[in-house]
Amino acid sequence: MAQRRHDPEQRVPPPGFGRFGTRTLEVAENVVYAGIALLLVLAALALLVLAGRTAWSLTGDLSQAPMLELLDVLLLVFIVVELLFAVRTTVEKRELVAEPFLVIGIIASIKEIVVLSVEAAGVVGEGAGFRDRITEIAVLGVLVLLLGATSWLLRRKEREPDEGEGGDPISAPERAAEPPG
């Protein structure tokens, strides 16, 4: 008896699990992603309400603390929206895409740099406390550079043709038919 192998070109699921099991897992996956997306949307809306309340409090108090809090909340909204984008991209492409998570890391690091720089300004001349915050800012700055470089390399890699495709979307027979020059 010939052994049956799974051919990825055919839309037939591998033997053993069956279509029903695959379809059930697909539906469960979609339900989980929908739940994650719903919670992220609710979190973003709650954060926007909080940002609005903080912005309203700025009318009476133009000090540094409410402005820093507003910036902190707005950057958190960006992070949540980027997570929502990552979930949407994962659902659409049916694969985990790294770039949205790199952007989230960059935004989160910048958020912490902003908060730490304000804290460091408040403890200038206090020795160890100031030094610790500056060290954290430096580490986060290096992290932002590394995440940015990783994102750039990832984009560059995505623009390159696949290794097996010869590097040109025009196939060899079409290239041969084109006039030189």
Protein backbone atom coordinates (compact mmCIF):
# COMPACT_ATOMS: atom_id res chain seq x y z
CA MET A 1 0.00 0.00 0.00
CA ALA A 2 1.42 3.41 -0.98
CA GLN A 3 2.08 5.81 1.84
CA ARG A 4 0.02 9.02 1.63
CA ARG A 5 1.97 12.24 2.19
CA HIS A 6 0.67 15.71 2.93
CA ASP A 7 1.10 17.95 -0.11
CA PRO A 8 1.00 21.67 0.84
CA GLU A 9 -0.18 22.58 -2.69
CA GLN A 10 -3.36 20.60 -2.19
CA ARG A 11 -5.92 21.98 0.24
CA VAL A 12 -6.30 18.61 1.93
CA PRO A 13 -5.52 18.50 5.65
CA PRO A 14 -2.91 16.01 6.80
CA PRO A 15 -4.21 12.58 7.79
CA GLY A 16 -5.03 11.99 11.41
CA PHE A 17 -6.63 15.24 12.49
CA GLY A 18 -9.26 15.71 9.84
CA ARG A 19 -11.17 18.63 8.47
CA PHE A 20 -13.52 18.89 11.45
CA GLY A 21 -10.68 19.21 13.97
CA THR A 22 -8.87 21.78 11.85
CA ARG A 23 -12.03 23.81 11.35
CA THR A 24 -12.84 23.66 15.08
CA LEU A 25 -9.40 24.98 15.98
CA GLU A 26 -9.74 27.72 13.35
CA VAL A 27 -13.04 28.87 14.85
CA ALA A 28 -11.62 28.74 18.40
CA GLU A 29 -8.61 30.77 17.25
CA ASN A 30 -10.90 33.40 15.69
CA VAL A 31 -12.98 33.62 18.89
CA VAL A 32 -9.84 34.16 20.99
CA TYR A 33 -8.53 36.83 18.60
CA ALA A 34 -11.92 38.56 18.61
CA GLY A 35 -11.92 38.55 22.42
CA ILE A 36 -8.41 40.02 22.52
CA ALA A 37 -9.39 42.68 19.97
CA LEU A 38 -12.54 43.59 21.91
CA LEU A 39 -10.61 43.97 25.17
CA LEU A 40 -7.96 46.08 23.45
CA VAL A 41 -10.63 48.37 21.96
CA LEU A 42 -12.27 48.75 25.38
CA ALA A 43 -8.88 49.49 26.96
CA ALA A 44 -8.09 52.10 24.30
CA LEU A 45 -11.47 53.78 24.81
CA ALA A 46 -11.01 53.81 28.60
CA LEU A 47 -7.55 55.30 28.19
CA LEU A 48 -8.92 57.98 25.85
CA VAL A 49 -11.52 58.91 28.47
CA LEU A 50 -8.75 59.09 31.06
CA ALA A 51 -6.67 61.24 28.70
CA GLY A 52 -9.66 63.55 28.20
CA ARG A 53 -10.12 63.92 31.97
CA THR A 54 -6.41 64.62 32.38
CA ALA A 55 -6.48 67.19 29.57
CA TRP A 56 -9.48 68.84 31.22
CA SER A 57 -7.56 69.08 34.49
CA LEU A 58 -4.85 70.99 32.63
CA THR A 59 -7.20 73.97 32.33
CA GLY A 60 -6.81 74.62 36.05
CA ASP A 61 -3.31 73.29 36.62
CA LEU A 62 -0.61 73.97 34.04
CA SER A 63 2.09 72.27 36.09
CA GLN A 64 4.40 69.54 34.89
CA ALA A 65 2.67 66.60 36.61
CA PRO A 66 -0.67 66.61 34.71
CA MET A 67 1.10 67.18 31.40
CA LEU A 68 3.42 64.25 32.06
CA GLU A 69 0.43 62.12 33.05
CA LEU A 70 -1.38 63.10 29.83
CA LEU A 71 1.64 62.23 27.71
CA ASP A 72 2.00 58.96 29.58
CA VAL A 73 -1.64 58.02 28.94
CA LEU A 74 -1.52 59.03 25.27
CA LEU A 75 1.61 56.94 24.67
CA LEU A 76 -0.18 54.05 26.37
CA VAL A 77 -3.08 54.55 23.93
CA PHE A 78 -0.57 54.29 21.07
CA ILE A 79 0.75 51.04 22.52
CA VAL A 80 -2.75 49.55 22.83
CA VAL A 81 -3.67 50.62 19.28
CA GLU A 82 -0.45 49.07 17.96
CA LEU A 83 -1.33 45.84 19.78
CA LEU A 84 -4.75 45.96 18.15
CA PHE A 85 -3.05 46.40 14.77
CA ALA A 86 -0.81 43.42 15.53
CA VAL A 87 -3.84 41.26 16.31
CA ARG A 88 -5.59 42.39 13.12
CA THR A 89 -2.50 41.68 11.03
CA THR A 90 -2.11 38.26 12.61
CA VAL A 91 -5.74 37.40 11.82
CA GLU A 92 -5.54 38.70 8.23
CA LYS A 93 -2.25 37.06 7.28
CA ARG A 94 -2.67 33.97 9.45
CA GLU A 95 0.90 34.39 10.68
CA LEU A 96 2.62 36.28 13.44
CA VAL A 97 4.13 39.49 12.11
CA ALA A 98 7.05 40.83 14.14
CA GLU A 99 7.10 44.48 13.07
CA PRO A 100 4.08 45.73 15.06
CA PHE A 101 5.62 44.28 18.21
CA LEU A 102 8.91 46.04 17.46
CA VAL A 103 7.02 49.33 17.11
CA ILE A 104 5.27 48.64 20.43
CA GLY A 105 8.65 48.08 22.06
CA ILE A 106 9.96 51.35 20.64
CA ILE A 107 6.91 53.31 21.83
CA ALA A 108 7.04 51.70 25.29
CA SER A 109 10.76 52.46 25.61
CA ILE A 110 10.25 56.08 24.56
CA LYS A 111 7.40 56.37 27.04
CA GLU A 112 9.68 55.21 29.84
CA ILE A 113 12.48 57.53 28.68
CA VAL A 114 10.11 60.51 28.91
CA VAL A 115 8.94 59.55 32.40
CA LEU A 116 12.47 58.81 33.64
CA SER A 117 13.88 62.04 32.23
CA VAL A 118 11.32 64.08 34.16
CA GLU A 119 12.05 62.06 37.31
CA ALA A 120 15.80 62.51 36.78
CA ALA A 121 15.33 66.27 36.51
CA GLY A 122 13.67 66.19 39.92
CA VAL A 123 16.58 64.38 41.60
CA VAL A 124 19.54 66.17 40.02
CA GLY A 125 22.46 66.21 42.42
CA GLU A 126 21.13 63.40 44.64
CA GLY A 127 23.85 60.96 43.61
CA ALA A 128 22.72 57.34 43.26
CA GLY A 129 19.07 58.08 42.44
CA PHE A 130 20.03 60.39 39.61
CA ARG A 131 22.71 58.00 38.32
CA ASP A 132 20.25 55.09 38.31
CA ARG A 133 17.70 57.00 36.26
CA ILE A 134 20.34 58.17 33.77
CA THR A 135 21.59 54.57 33.42
CA GLU A 136 18.01 53.39 32.76
CA ILE A 137 17.55 56.14 30.17
CA ALA A 138 20.79 55.09 28.45
CA VAL A 139 19.78 51.41 28.39
CA LEU A 140 16.34 52.30 27.04
CA GLY A 141 17.95 54.54 24.41
CA VAL A 142 20.14 51.65 23.25
CA LEU A 143 17.04 49.43 23.23
CA VAL A 144 15.20 51.94 21.00
CA LEU A 145 18.16 51.96 18.60
CA LEU A 146 18.32 48.15 18.54
CA LEU A 147 14.58 47.77 18.00
CA GLY A 148 14.70 50.40 15.25
CA ALA A 149 17.61 48.64 13.56
CA THR A 150 15.79 45.32 13.83
CA SER A 151 12.68 46.84 12.28
CA TRP A 152 14.75 48.35 9.47
CA LEU A 153 16.49 45.02 8.78
CA LEU A 154 13.13 43.24 8.81
CA ARG A 155 11.66 45.67 6.28
CA ARG A 156 14.75 45.35 4.12
CA LYS A 157 14.51 41.55 4.25
CA GLU A 158 10.82 41.65 3.31
CA ARG A 159 11.60 43.69 0.19
CA GLU A 160 14.14 41.14 -1.02
CA PRO A 161 12.84 38.42 -3.32
CA ASP A 162 12.66 34.88 -2.01
CA GLU A 163 15.83 32.89 -2.51
CA GLY A 164 14.24 30.36 -4.84
CA GLU A 165 12.53 32.85 -7.13
CA GLY A 166 15.59 34.20 -8.89
CA GLY A 167 15.16 37.77 -7.68
CA ASP A 168 12.90 39.05 -10.46
CA PRO A 169 9.12 38.79 -10.67
CA ILE A 170 9.44 38.28 -14.44
CA SER A 171 9.95 34.62 -15.17
CA ALA A 172 12.85 33.32 -17.29
CA PRO A 173 10.74 32.65 -20.43
CA GLU A 174 9.28 36.16 -20.31
CA ARG A 175 12.76 37.63 -19.86
CA ALA A 176 14.03 35.73 -22.90
CA ALA A 177 11.16 37.11 -25.02
CA GLU A 178 11.94 40.73 -24.12
CA PRO A 179 14.11 42.71 -26.54
CA PRO A 180 17.54 43.59 -25.18
CA GLY A 181 18.23 47.12 -24.04
